[in-house]
Amino acid sequence: MKAILLHTPGSVENLDYQEIEKPTISEGEVLIKVKAISINPVDVKSREGKGMFGILKDYHPLILGWDVAGIVEESKTDEFVIGDKVFGMVNFPGHGKAYAEYVVAPANQLARIPENVSLENAAASTLVALTAWQALVVNGNVQKGQKVLIHAASGGVGHIAVQIAKYLGAEVTGTSSNKNKDFVLGLGADHHIDYHDYNWHNQNREYDFVLDTIGGNNIDNSLAVTKVGGTIISIPSGLNEEVTEKTKSQGVNGYFILVESNGEQMKQIAELLEKGIIKPFIYKKFSFDEMKEAHTEQEKGRTVGKIIIKL
């Protein structure tokens, strides 16, 4: 089968296409014939030697990627049969090996794709949807009527998080550049903030929950507008000890979460997709042979929604 290997971290030129043996499955696993892959900022960071590379560096061969949608070709589980259309985020954080024509996945990390959902939309609703779900529902316990702020609301995690927050009954504010204002409001956000030149430190502390998908100094901006007793969950960079102490001193709960594979939550996401409650936006599509171009596009940092690879 064709796969993309990473021998050493670096530029997109280090993504190496090779023919390797089709993998075999063990009990509790399925073999997926991949039809669509979603890529994320963590893919780019890991390729560069950051992100998940520290965890993956001792694997040979190392194959990046975690988000897949495809058709079950072999099964050693009662959960799925040959021919089932499935999707999921495979073995995250760990070695997902998704940049390949065939991927082995534990059955307990997958869900069936609803009949009215395309393989591409399913692939786009894996890591980002799980991240948003685990942030807002599992860890944030967002409730109806709460005020929720979603940073980078036009991005991969952000655009799904806005939709999930609205489903939960929250009053949602999303941040983005002004050019993406209509997109963010079209997702269902009640309010929009253009982050350019916005004075965060001259605002009321009105938000019950803030999802920070940017990190860095933006955590201070989040803290400036979060209620006493409110919660900030950070995705990309974590809350260092200094910031954690700062949030605590101001009566705010500060957390860093790292998304984890979870088949039961994928089933909940499948149900939301089936009912049209969430819908991913696909920014651009590339072929498997265009993975380098897809990475180049992703690392620009201007993606609205998701980038998809078709096989």
C-alpha atoms as a PDB file:
ATOM      1  CA  MET A   1       0.000   0.000   0.000  1.00  0.00           C
ATOM      2  CA  LYS A   2       1.031   3.607  -0.436  1.00  0.00           C
ATOM      3  CA  ALA A   3       1.920   5.528   2.744  1.00  0.00           C
ATOM      4  CA  ILE A   4       3.649   8.762   3.682  1.00  0.00           C
ATOM      5  CA  LEU A   5       6.603   8.302   6.029  1.00  0.00           C
ATOM      6  CA  LEU A   6       8.515  10.834   8.092  1.00  0.00           C
ATOM      7  CA  HIS A   7      12.152   9.793   8.617  1.00  0.00           C
ATOM      8  CA  THR A   8      13.332  13.063  10.126  1.00  0.00           C
ATOM      9  CA  PRO A   9      11.358  16.180  11.155  1.00  0.00           C
ATOM     10  CA  GLY A  10      11.486  19.247   8.966  1.00  0.00           C
ATOM     11  CA  SER A  11       9.863  20.792   5.921  1.00  0.00           C
ATOM     12  CA  VAL A  12       7.158  19.302   3.714  1.00  0.00           C
ATOM     13  CA  GLU A  13       9.925  17.791   1.606  1.00  0.00           C
ATOM     14  CA  ASN A  14      10.504  15.319   4.443  1.00  0.00           C
ATOM     15  CA  LEU A  15       7.119  13.689   3.756  1.00  0.00           C
ATOM     16  CA  ASP A  16       8.242  10.571   1.904  1.00  0.00           C
ATOM     17  CA  TYR A  17       5.836   8.520  -0.249  1.00  0.00           C
ATOM     18  CA  GLN A  18       6.627   4.808  -0.132  1.00  0.00           C
ATOM     19  CA  GLU A  19       5.049   1.439  -0.842  1.00  0.00           C
ATOM     20  CA  ILE A  20       4.862  -0.599   2.368  1.00  0.00           C
ATOM     21  CA  GLU A  21       3.062  -3.748   3.434  1.00  0.00           C
ATOM     22  CA  LYS A  22      -0.613  -3.549   4.272  1.00  0.00           C
ATOM     23  CA  PRO A  23      -0.981  -3.757   8.080  1.00  0.00           C
ATOM     24  CA  THR A  24      -2.606  -6.699   9.878  1.00  0.00           C
ATOM     25  CA  ILE A  25      -5.188  -6.455  12.628  1.00  0.00           C
ATOM     26  CA  SER A  26      -5.500  -7.984  16.090  1.00  0.00           C
ATOM     27  CA  GLU A  27      -8.528  -8.788  18.231  1.00  0.00           C
ATOM     28  CA  GLY A  28     -10.723  -5.758  18.806  1.00  0.00           C
ATOM     29  CA  GLU A  29      -9.440  -3.963  15.702  1.00  0.00           C
ATOM     30  CA  VAL A  30     -10.596  -3.223  12.174  1.00  0.00           C
ATOM     31  CA  LEU A  31      -8.721  -2.527   8.963  1.00  0.00           C
ATOM     32  CA  ILE A  32     -10.028   0.607   7.255  1.00  0.00           C
ATOM     33  CA  LYS A  33      -9.678   1.268   3.543  1.00  0.00           C
ATOM     34  CA  VAL A  34      -9.208   5.004   3.848  1.00  0.00           C
ATOM     35  CA  LYS A  35     -11.327   7.312   1.706  1.00  0.00           C
ATOM     36  CA  ALA A  36     -10.675  10.662   3.394  1.00  0.00           C
ATOM     37  CA  ILE A  37      -8.171  12.100   5.855  1.00  0.00           C
ATOM     38  CA  SER A  38      -8.400  15.316   7.834  1.00  0.00           C
ATOM     39  CA  ILE A  39      -5.257  17.230   8.726  1.00  0.00           C
ATOM     40  CA  ASN A  40      -4.795  19.563  11.687  1.00  0.00           C
ATOM     41  CA  PRO A  41      -2.237  22.029  13.059  1.00  0.00           C
ATOM     42  CA  VAL A  42      -0.819  19.188  15.191  1.00  0.00           C
ATOM     43  CA  ASP A  43       0.085  17.342  11.981  1.00  0.00           C
ATOM     44  CA  VAL A  44       2.189  20.273  10.814  1.00  0.00           C
ATOM     45  CA  LYS A  45       3.791  20.803  14.222  1.00  0.00           C
ATOM     46  CA  SER A  46       4.638  17.106  14.515  1.00  0.00           C
ATOM     47  CA  ARG A  47       6.176  17.078  11.041  1.00  0.00           C
ATOM     48  CA  GLU A  48       8.363  20.006  12.113  1.00  0.00           C
ATOM     49  CA  GLY A  49       9.561  18.152  15.228  1.00  0.00           C
ATOM     50  CA  LYS A  50       7.118  19.730  17.685  1.00  0.00           C
ATOM     51  CA  GLY A  51       3.563  18.691  18.538  1.00  0.00           C
ATOM     52  CA  MET A  52       3.425  14.920  19.013  1.00  0.00           C
ATOM     53  CA  PHE A  53       6.883  14.260  17.565  1.00  0.00           C
ATOM     54  CA  GLY A  54       8.450  13.727  20.986  1.00  0.00           C
ATOM     55  CA  ILE A  55       6.050  10.841  21.565  1.00  0.00           C
ATOM     56  CA  LEU A  56       6.438   9.439  18.053  1.00  0.00           C
ATOM     57  CA  LYS A  57      10.143   9.883  17.329  1.00  0.00           C
ATOM     58  CA  ASP A  58      11.140   6.306  18.188  1.00  0.00           C
ATOM     59  CA  TYR A  59       8.647   4.706  15.781  1.00  0.00           C
ATOM     60  CA  HIS A  60      10.117   3.340  12.561  1.00  0.00           C
ATOM     61  CA  PRO A  61       8.525   3.809  10.175  1.00  0.00           C
ATOM     62  CA  LEU A  62       6.771   6.900  11.505  1.00  0.00           C
ATOM     63  CA  ILE A  63       3.498   7.697   9.753  1.00  0.00           C
ATOM     64  CA  LEU A  64       1.705  10.908  10.732  1.00  0.00           C
ATOM     65  CA  GLY A  65      -2.025  11.548  10.897  1.00  0.00           C
ATOM     66  CA  TRP A  66      -4.953  10.579  13.110  1.00  0.00           C
ATOM     67  CA  ASP A  67      -8.241  11.536  11.407  1.00  0.00           C
ATOM     68  CA  VAL A  68      -9.739   8.995   9.033  1.00  0.00           C
ATOM     69  CA  ALA A  69     -12.963   8.026   7.346  1.00  0.00           C
ATOM     70  CA  GLY A  70     -13.330   4.935   5.235  1.00  0.00           C
ATOM     71  CA  ILE A  71     -14.739   1.448   4.761  1.00  0.00           C
ATOM     72  CA  VAL A  72     -14.083  -1.563   6.969  1.00  0.00           C
ATOM     73  CA  GLU A  73     -12.163  -4.155   4.944  1.00  0.00           C
ATOM     74  CA  GLU A  74     -11.373  -6.592   7.783  1.00  0.00           C
ATOM     75  CA  SER A  75     -12.835  -6.870  11.276  1.00  0.00           C
ATOM     76  CA  LYS A  76     -11.948  -8.754  14.452  1.00  0.00           C
ATOM     77  CA  THR A  77     -14.703  -7.249  16.557  1.00  0.00           C
ATOM     78  CA  ASP A  78     -18.461  -7.625  16.907  1.00  0.00           C
ATOM     79  CA  GLU A  79     -18.799  -3.849  16.708  1.00  0.00           C
ATOM     80  CA  PHE A  80     -18.250  -3.504  12.952  1.00  0.00           C
ATOM     81  CA  VAL A  81     -18.590  -5.719   9.896  1.00  0.00           C
ATOM     82  CA  ILE A  82     -16.929  -5.628   6.498  1.00  0.00           C
ATOM     83  CA  GLY A  83     -18.418  -2.836   4.411  1.00  0.00           C
ATOM     84  CA  ASP A  84     -19.317  -0.536   7.307  1.00  0.00           C
ATOM     85  CA  LYS A  85     -18.469   3.133   6.758  1.00  0.00           C
ATOM     86  CA  VAL A  86     -16.604   4.368   9.835  1.00  0.00           C
ATOM     87  CA  PHE A  87     -14.747   7.417  11.075  1.00  0.00           C
ATOM     88  CA  GLY A  88     -12.633   8.359  14.042  1.00  0.00           C
ATOM     89  CA  MET A  89      -9.474   9.850  15.488  1.00  0.00           C
ATOM     90  CA  VAL A  90      -7.092   6.905  15.762  1.00  0.00           C
ATOM     91  CA  ASN A  91      -4.700   6.379  18.707  1.00  0.00           C
ATOM     92  CA  PHE A  92      -4.382  10.012  19.765  1.00  0.00           C
ATOM     93  CA  PRO A  93      -2.152  10.891  21.487  1.00  0.00           C
ATOM     94  CA  GLY A  94      -0.016   8.196  19.934  1.00  0.00           C
ATOM     95  CA  HIS A  95       0.856   6.653  16.591  1.00  0.00           C
ATOM     96  CA  GLY A  96      -2.240   6.976  14.400  1.00  0.00           C
ATOM     97  CA  LYS A  97      -0.572   6.084  11.061  1.00  0.00           C
ATOM     98  CA  ALA A  98      -3.395   7.752   9.142  1.00  0.00           C
ATOM     99  CA  TYR A  99      -1.351   8.925   6.141  1.00  0.00           C
ATOM    100  CA  ALA A 100      -1.853   5.612   4.362  1.00  0.00           C
ATOM    101  CA  GLU A 101      -4.264   3.774   2.097  1.00  0.00           C
ATOM    102  CA  TYR A 102      -5.109   1.335   4.907  1.00  0.00           C
ATOM    103  CA  VAL A 103      -5.268   2.081   8.629  1.00  0.00           C
ATOM    104  CA  VAL A 104      -5.653  -0.234  11.613  1.00  0.00           C
ATOM    105  CA  ALA A 105      -7.958   1.175  14.295  1.00  0.00           C
ATOM    106  CA  PRO A 106      -9.279  -0.087  17.626  1.00  0.00           C
ATOM    107  CA  ALA A 107     -13.016  -0.580  17.254  1.00  0.00           C
ATOM    108  CA  ASN A 108     -13.632   1.353  20.479  1.00  0.00           C
ATOM    109  CA  GLN A 109     -12.276   4.519  18.848  1.00  0.00           C
ATOM    110  CA  LEU A 110     -14.662   4.533  15.888  1.00  0.00           C
ATOM    111  CA  ALA A 111     -18.271   5.219  14.999  1.00  0.00           C
ATOM    112  CA  ARG A 112     -20.419   4.431  11.972  1.00  0.00           C
ATOM    113  CA  ILE A 113     -20.896   7.254   9.520  1.00  0.00           C
ATOM    114  CA  PRO A 114     -24.583   8.198   9.179  1.00  0.00           C
ATOM    115  CA  GLU A 115     -26.108   7.571   5.755  1.00  0.00           C
ATOM    116  CA  ASN A 116     -26.696  11.279   5.154  1.00  0.00           C
ATOM    117  CA  VAL A 117     -23.079  12.274   5.955  1.00  0.00           C
ATOM    118  CA  SER A 118     -20.328  12.136   3.327  1.00  0.00           C
ATOM    119  CA  LEU A 119     -17.007  10.430   3.968  1.00  0.00           C
ATOM    120  CA  GLU A 120     -15.276  13.795   3.605  1.00  0.00           C
ATOM    121  CA  ASN A 121     -17.536  15.524   6.135  1.00  0.00           C
ATOM    122  CA  ALA A 122     -17.038  12.602   8.495  1.00  0.00           C
ATOM    123  CA  ALA A 123     -13.246  12.878   8.235  1.00  0.00           C
ATOM    124  CA  ALA A 124     -13.557  16.594   8.978  1.00  0.00           C
ATOM    125  CA  SER A 125     -15.480  15.850  12.183  1.00  0.00           C
ATOM    126  CA  THR A 126     -12.944  13.834  14.121  1.00  0.00           C
ATOM    127  CA  LEU A 127     -10.131  15.516  16.094  1.00  0.00           C
ATOM    128  CA  VAL A 128     -11.757  18.939  15.995  1.00  0.00           C
ATOM    129  CA  ALA A 129     -15.187  17.683  17.049  1.00  0.00           C
ATOM    130  CA  LEU A 130     -13.767  15.478  19.797  1.00  0.00           C
ATOM    131  CA  THR A 131     -11.680  18.399  21.063  1.00  0.00           C
ATOM    132  CA  ALA A 132     -14.683  20.710  21.146  1.00  0.00           C
ATOM    133  CA  TRP A 133     -16.864  18.032  22.802  1.00  0.00           C
ATOM    134  CA  GLN A 134     -14.295  17.164  25.444  1.00  0.00           C
ATOM    135  CA  ALA A 135     -13.693  20.860  26.168  1.00  0.00           C
ATOM    136  CA  LEU A 136     -17.291  22.070  26.369  1.00  0.00           C
ATOM    137  CA  VAL A 137     -19.180  18.982  27.548  1.00  0.00           C
ATOM    138  CA  VAL A 138     -16.781  16.669  29.383  1.00  0.00           C
ATOM    139  CA  ASN A 139     -14.504  19.210  31.067  1.00  0.00           C
ATOM    140  CA  GLY A 140     -16.341  22.527  30.799  1.00  0.00           C
ATOM    141  CA  ASN A 141     -19.832  21.283  31.675  1.00  0.00           C
ATOM    142  CA  VAL A 142     -21.306  24.169  29.688  1.00  0.00           C
ATOM    143  CA  GLN A 143     -24.957  24.759  30.607  1.00  0.00           C
ATOM    144  CA  LYS A 144     -27.948  26.380  28.959  1.00  0.00           C
ATOM    145  CA  GLY A 145     -27.951  30.160  29.327  1.00  0.00           C
ATOM    146  CA  GLN A 146     -24.240  30.491  30.083  1.00  0.00           C
ATOM    147  CA  LYS A 147     -22.105  32.980  28.197  1.00  0.00           C
ATOM    148  CA  VAL A 148     -19.416  31.238  26.178  1.00  0.00           C
ATOM    149  CA  LEU A 149     -16.462  32.764  24.330  1.00  0.00           C
ATOM    150  CA  ILE A 150     -14.800  30.777  21.527  1.00  0.00           C
ATOM    151  CA  HIS A 151     -11.463  32.118  20.318  1.00  0.00           C
ATOM    152  CA  ALA A 152     -10.509  31.530  16.662  1.00  0.00           C
ATOM    153  CA  ALA A 153     -14.122  30.639  15.973  1.00  0.00           C
ATOM    154  CA  SER A 154     -13.557  30.286  12.217  1.00  0.00           C
ATOM    155  CA  GLY A 155     -10.820  27.677  12.667  1.00  0.00           C
ATOM    156  CA  GLY A 156     -11.040  23.895  12.831  1.00  0.00           C
ATOM    157  CA  VAL A 157     -11.862  23.394  16.503  1.00  0.00           C
ATOM    158  CA  GLY A 158     -13.506  26.793  16.850  1.00  0.00           C
ATOM    159  CA  HIS A 159     -16.125  26.444  14.134  1.00  0.00           C
ATOM    160  CA  ILE A 160     -17.327  23.119  15.569  1.00  0.00           C
ATOM    161  CA  ALA A 161     -17.164  24.461  19.139  1.00  0.00           C
ATOM    162  CA  VAL A 162     -19.516  27.326  18.236  1.00  0.00           C
ATOM    163  CA  GLN A 163     -22.080  24.845  16.924  1.00  0.00           C
ATOM    164  CA  ILE A 164     -21.796  22.546  19.949  1.00  0.00           C
ATOM    165  CA  ALA A 165     -22.060  25.485  22.367  1.00  0.00           C
ATOM    166  CA  LYS A 166     -25.263  26.634  20.641  1.00  0.00           C
ATOM    167  CA  TYR A 167     -26.609  23.078  20.806  1.00  0.00           C
ATOM    168  CA  LEU A 168     -25.977  23.170  24.561  1.00  0.00           C
ATOM    169  CA  GLY A 169     -28.049  26.357  24.789  1.00  0.00           C
ATOM    170  CA  ALA A 170     -25.252  28.834  25.499  1.00  0.00           C
ATOM    171  CA  GLU A 171     -25.051  32.462  24.408  1.00  0.00           C
ATOM    172  CA  VAL A 172     -21.998  32.320  22.163  1.00  0.00           C
ATOM    173  CA  THR A 173     -19.436  34.925  21.177  1.00  0.00           C
ATOM    174  CA  GLY A 174     -16.821  34.006  18.586  1.00  0.00           C
ATOM    175  CA  THR A 175     -13.591  35.775  17.702  1.00  0.00           C
ATOM    176  CA  SER A 176     -11.999  35.966  14.270  1.00  0.00           C
ATOM    177  CA  SER A 177     -10.759  38.555  11.813  1.00  0.00           C
ATOM    178  CA  ASN A 178     -13.473  40.831  10.470  1.00  0.00           C
ATOM    179  CA  LYS A 179     -13.373  39.096   7.072  1.00  0.00           C
ATOM    180  CA  ASN A 180     -14.703  35.947   8.730  1.00  0.00           C
ATOM    181  CA  LYS A 181     -17.401  37.694  10.774  1.00  0.00           C
ATOM    182  CA  ASP A 182     -20.286  36.535   8.569  1.00  0.00           C
ATOM    183  CA  PHE A 183     -18.955  32.971   8.622  1.00  0.00           C
ATOM    184  CA  VAL A 184     -18.813  32.919  12.441  1.00  0.00           C
ATOM    185  CA  LEU A 185     -22.285  34.408  12.809  1.00  0.00           C
ATOM    186  CA  GLY A 186     -23.530  31.950  10.181  1.00  0.00           C
ATOM    187  CA  LEU A 187     -22.393  29.094  12.433  1.00  0.00           C
ATOM    188  CA  GLY A 188     -24.906  30.315  15.005  1.00  0.00           C
ATOM    189  CA  ALA A 189     -22.754  32.610  17.132  1.00  0.00           C
ATOM    190  CA  ASP A 190     -24.790  35.351  18.809  1.00  0.00           C
ATOM    191  CA  HIS A 191     -21.942  37.867  18.817  1.00  0.00           C
ATOM    192  CA  HIS A 192     -18.656  38.429  17.024  1.00  0.00           C
ATOM    193  CA  ILE A 193     -15.404  40.057  18.127  1.00  0.00           C
ATOM    194  CA  ASP A 194     -12.754  41.162  15.633  1.00  0.00           C
ATOM    195  CA  TYR A 195      -9.606  40.350  17.586  1.00  0.00           C
ATOM    196  CA  HIS A 196      -7.587  43.002  15.744  1.00  0.00           C
ATOM    197  CA  ASP A 197      -6.925  45.913  18.143  1.00  0.00           C
ATOM    198  CA  TYR A 198      -9.621  44.680  20.556  1.00  0.00           C
ATOM    199  CA  ASN A 199      -9.019  45.960  24.079  1.00  0.00           C
ATOM    200  CA  TRP A 200      -9.635  42.847  26.173  1.00  0.00           C
ATOM    201  CA  HIS A 201      -8.589  44.551  29.374  1.00  0.00           C
ATOM    202  CA  ASN A 202     -11.250  47.227  29.142  1.00  0.00           C
ATOM    203  CA  GLN A 203     -14.229  44.824  29.104  1.00  0.00           C
ATOM    204  CA  ASN A 204     -16.592  43.344  31.646  1.00  0.00           C
ATOM    205  CA  ARG A 205     -15.813  39.945  33.114  1.00  0.00           C
ATOM    206  CA  GLU A 206     -18.931  38.376  31.621  1.00  0.00           C
ATOM    207  CA  TYR A 207     -18.074  34.904  30.322  1.00  0.00           C
ATOM    208  CA  ASP A 208     -18.825  31.699  32.197  1.00  0.00           C
ATOM    209  CA  PHE A 209     -16.658  29.626  29.880  1.00  0.00           C
ATOM    210  CA  VAL A 210     -13.830  30.459  27.467  1.00  0.00           C
ATOM    211  CA  LEU A 211     -12.298  28.066  24.950  1.00  0.00           C
ATOM    212  CA  ASP A 212      -8.836  29.300  24.042  1.00  0.00           C
ATOM    213  CA  THR A 213      -7.576  27.612  20.898  1.00  0.00           C
ATOM    214  CA  ILE A 214      -4.744  30.126  20.431  1.00  0.00           C
ATOM    215  CA  GLY A 215      -2.681  30.012  23.633  1.00  0.00           C
ATOM    216  CA  GLY A 216       0.304  32.186  24.467  1.00  0.00           C
ATOM    217  CA  ASN A 217      -0.570  35.689  25.656  1.00  0.00           C
ATOM    218  CA  ASN A 218      -4.166  35.132  24.614  1.00  0.00           C
ATOM    219  CA  ILE A 219      -4.756  33.331  27.905  1.00  0.00           C
ATOM    220  CA  ASP A 220      -4.340  36.716  29.653  1.00  0.00           C
ATOM    221  CA  ASN A 221      -6.955  38.177  27.292  1.00  0.00           C
ATOM    222  CA  SER A 222      -9.287  35.326  28.190  1.00  0.00           C
ATOM    223  CA  LEU A 223      -8.742  35.860  31.893  1.00  0.00           C
ATOM    224  CA  ALA A 224      -9.630  39.531  31.577  1.00  0.00           C
ATOM    225  CA  VAL A 225     -13.180  38.713  30.450  1.00  0.00           C
ATOM    226  CA  THR A 226     -13.940  35.532  32.458  1.00  0.00           C
ATOM    227  CA  LYS A 227     -16.282  35.691  35.452  1.00  0.00           C
ATOM    228  CA  VAL A 228     -15.172  34.825  38.941  1.00  0.00           C
ATOM    229  CA  GLY A 229     -15.949  31.110  39.177  1.00  0.00           C
ATOM    230  CA  GLY A 230     -15.778  30.775  35.408  1.00  0.00           C
ATOM    231  CA  THR A 231     -13.609  28.390  33.417  1.00  0.00           C
ATOM    232  CA  ILE A 232     -10.898  28.794  30.783  1.00  0.00           C
ATOM    233  CA  ILE A 233      -9.866  25.710  28.832  1.00  0.00           C
ATOM    234  CA  SER A 234      -6.742  26.042  26.704  1.00  0.00           C
ATOM    235  CA  ILE A 235      -5.959  23.713  23.820  1.00  0.00           C
ATOM    236  CA  PRO A 236      -2.668  24.526  22.071  1.00  0.00           C
ATOM    237  CA  SER A 237      -0.098  25.613  24.616  1.00  0.00           C
ATOM    238  CA  GLY A 238      -1.407  24.726  28.025  1.00  0.00           C
ATOM    239  CA  LEU A 239      -1.494  26.821  31.143  1.00  0.00           C
ATOM    240  CA  ASN A 240       1.942  27.183  32.673  1.00  0.00           C
ATOM    241  CA  GLU A 241       2.299  27.455  36.443  1.00  0.00           C
ATOM    242  CA  GLU A 242       2.422  31.252  36.375  1.00  0.00           C
ATOM    243  CA  VAL A 243      -0.830  31.525  34.448  1.00  0.00           C
ATOM    244  CA  THR A 244      -2.470  28.810  36.539  1.00  0.00           C
ATOM    245  CA  GLU A 245      -1.638  30.749  39.685  1.00  0.00           C
ATOM    246  CA  LYS A 246      -2.922  33.928  38.060  1.00  0.00           C
ATOM    247  CA  THR A 247      -6.263  32.341  37.129  1.00  0.00           C
ATOM    248  CA  LYS A 248      -6.609  30.916  40.630  1.00  0.00           C
ATOM    249  CA  SER A 249      -5.822  34.287  42.239  1.00  0.00           C
ATOM    250  CA  GLN A 250      -8.650  35.835  40.211  1.00  0.00           C
ATOM    251  CA  GLY A 251     -11.129  33.110  41.072  1.00  0.00           C
ATOM    252  CA  VAL A 252     -11.073  31.466  37.651  1.00  0.00           C
ATOM    253  CA  ASN A 253     -10.632  27.785  36.879  1.00  0.00           C
ATOM    254  CA  GLY A 254      -7.880  27.268  34.319  1.00  0.00           C
ATOM    255  CA  TYR A 255      -7.298  23.965  32.534  1.00  0.00           C
ATOM    256  CA  PHE A 256      -5.259  22.551  29.680  1.00  0.00           C
ATOM    257  CA  ILE A 257      -6.707  19.537  27.891  1.00  0.00           C
ATOM    258  CA  LEU A 258      -5.259  17.181  25.318  1.00  0.00           C
ATOM    259  CA  VAL A 259      -7.899  15.436  23.263  1.00  0.00           C
ATOM    260  CA  GLU A 260      -8.060  11.630  23.462  1.00  0.00           C
ATOM    261  CA  SER A 261      -9.555   9.042  21.128  1.00  0.00           C
ATOM    262  CA  ASN A 262     -13.019   7.971  22.264  1.00  0.00           C
ATOM    263  CA  GLY A 263     -15.479   5.862  20.295  1.00  0.00           C
ATOM    264  CA  GLU A 264     -18.484   6.540  22.537  1.00  0.00           C
ATOM    265  CA  GLN A 265     -18.042  10.274  22.032  1.00  0.00           C
ATOM    266  CA  MET A 266     -17.582   9.694  18.288  1.00  0.00           C
ATOM    267  CA  LYS A 267     -21.028   8.076  18.314  1.00  0.00           C
ATOM    268  CA  GLN A 268     -22.460  11.210  19.931  1.00  0.00           C
ATOM    269  CA  ILE A 269     -20.757  13.316  17.279  1.00  0.00           C
ATOM    270  CA  ALA A 270     -22.185  11.010  14.574  1.00  0.00           C
ATOM    271  CA  GLU A 271     -25.657  11.646  15.960  1.00  0.00           C
ATOM    272  CA  LEU A 272     -25.121  15.423  15.891  1.00  0.00           C
ATOM    273  CA  LEU A 273     -23.927  15.161  12.281  1.00  0.00           C
ATOM    274  CA  GLU A 274     -26.897  13.012  11.309  1.00  0.00           C
ATOM    275  CA  LYS A 275     -29.343  15.529  12.781  1.00  0.00           C
ATOM    276  CA  GLY A 276     -27.578  18.479  11.150  1.00  0.00           C
ATOM    277  CA  ILE A 277     -26.800  20.022  14.548  1.00  0.00           C
ATOM    278  CA  ILE A 278     -23.137  20.307  13.589  1.00  0.00           C
ATOM    279  CA  LYS A 279     -21.718  20.547  10.099  1.00  0.00           C
ATOM    280  CA  PRO A 280     -18.026  20.890   9.295  1.00  0.00           C
ATOM    281  CA  PHE A 281     -16.891  23.457   6.769  1.00  0.00           C
ATOM    282  CA  ILE A 282     -14.353  22.143   4.279  1.00  0.00           C
ATOM    283  CA  TYR A 283     -11.976  24.898   3.265  1.00  0.00           C
ATOM    284  CA  LYS A 284      -9.965  23.009   0.662  1.00  0.00           C
ATOM    285  CA  LYS A 285      -9.590  19.465  -0.649  1.00  0.00           C
ATOM    286  CA  PHE A 286      -6.382  17.840  -1.819  1.00  0.00           C
ATOM    287  CA  SER A 287      -5.550  14.429  -3.230  1.00  0.00           C
ATOM    288  CA  PHE A 288      -3.324  11.993  -1.307  1.00  0.00           C
ATOM    289  CA  ASP A 289      -0.522  12.844  -3.726  1.00  0.00           C
ATOM    290  CA  GLU A 290      -0.865  16.509  -2.714  1.00  0.00           C
ATOM    291  CA  MET A 291      -0.143  16.069   1.011  1.00  0.00           C
ATOM    292  CA  LYS A 292       2.827  18.443   0.819  1.00  0.00           C
ATOM    293  CA  GLU A 293       0.600  21.145  -0.659  1.00  0.00           C
ATOM    294  CA  ALA A 294      -2.018  20.467   2.028  1.00  0.00           C
ATOM    295  CA  HIS A 295       0.571  20.878   4.791  1.00  0.00           C
ATOM    296  CA  THR A 296       1.797  24.101   3.195  1.00  0.00           C
ATOM    297  CA  GLU A 297      -1.766  25.423   3.186  1.00  0.00           C
ATOM    298  CA  GLN A 298      -2.393  24.361   6.797  1.00  0.00           C
ATOM    299  CA  GLU A 299       0.774  25.994   8.123  1.00  0.00           C
ATOM    300  CA  LYS A 300      -0.292  29.395   6.747  1.00  0.00           C
ATOM    301  CA  GLY A 301      -2.640  29.589   9.734  1.00  0.00           C
ATOM    302  CA  ARG A 302      -5.494  31.103   7.722  1.00  0.00           C
ATOM    303  CA  THR A 303      -7.638  28.012   7.290  1.00  0.00           C
ATOM    304  CA  VAL A 304     -11.373  28.514   7.718  1.00  0.00           C
ATOM    305  CA  GLY A 305     -12.797  25.204   8.875  1.00  0.00           C
ATOM    306  CA  LYS A 306     -10.954  22.099   7.687  1.00  0.00           C
ATOM    307  CA  ILE A 307      -8.538  20.796   5.054  1.00  0.00           C
ATOM    308  CA  ILE A 308      -9.362  17.357   3.660  1.00  0.00           C
ATOM    309  CA  ILE A 309      -7.296  14.757   1.813  1.00  0.00           C
ATOM    310  CA  LYS A 310      -9.181  12.492  -0.594  1.00  0.00           C
ATOM    311  CA  LEU A 311      -8.063   8.981  -1.498  1.00  0.00           C
END
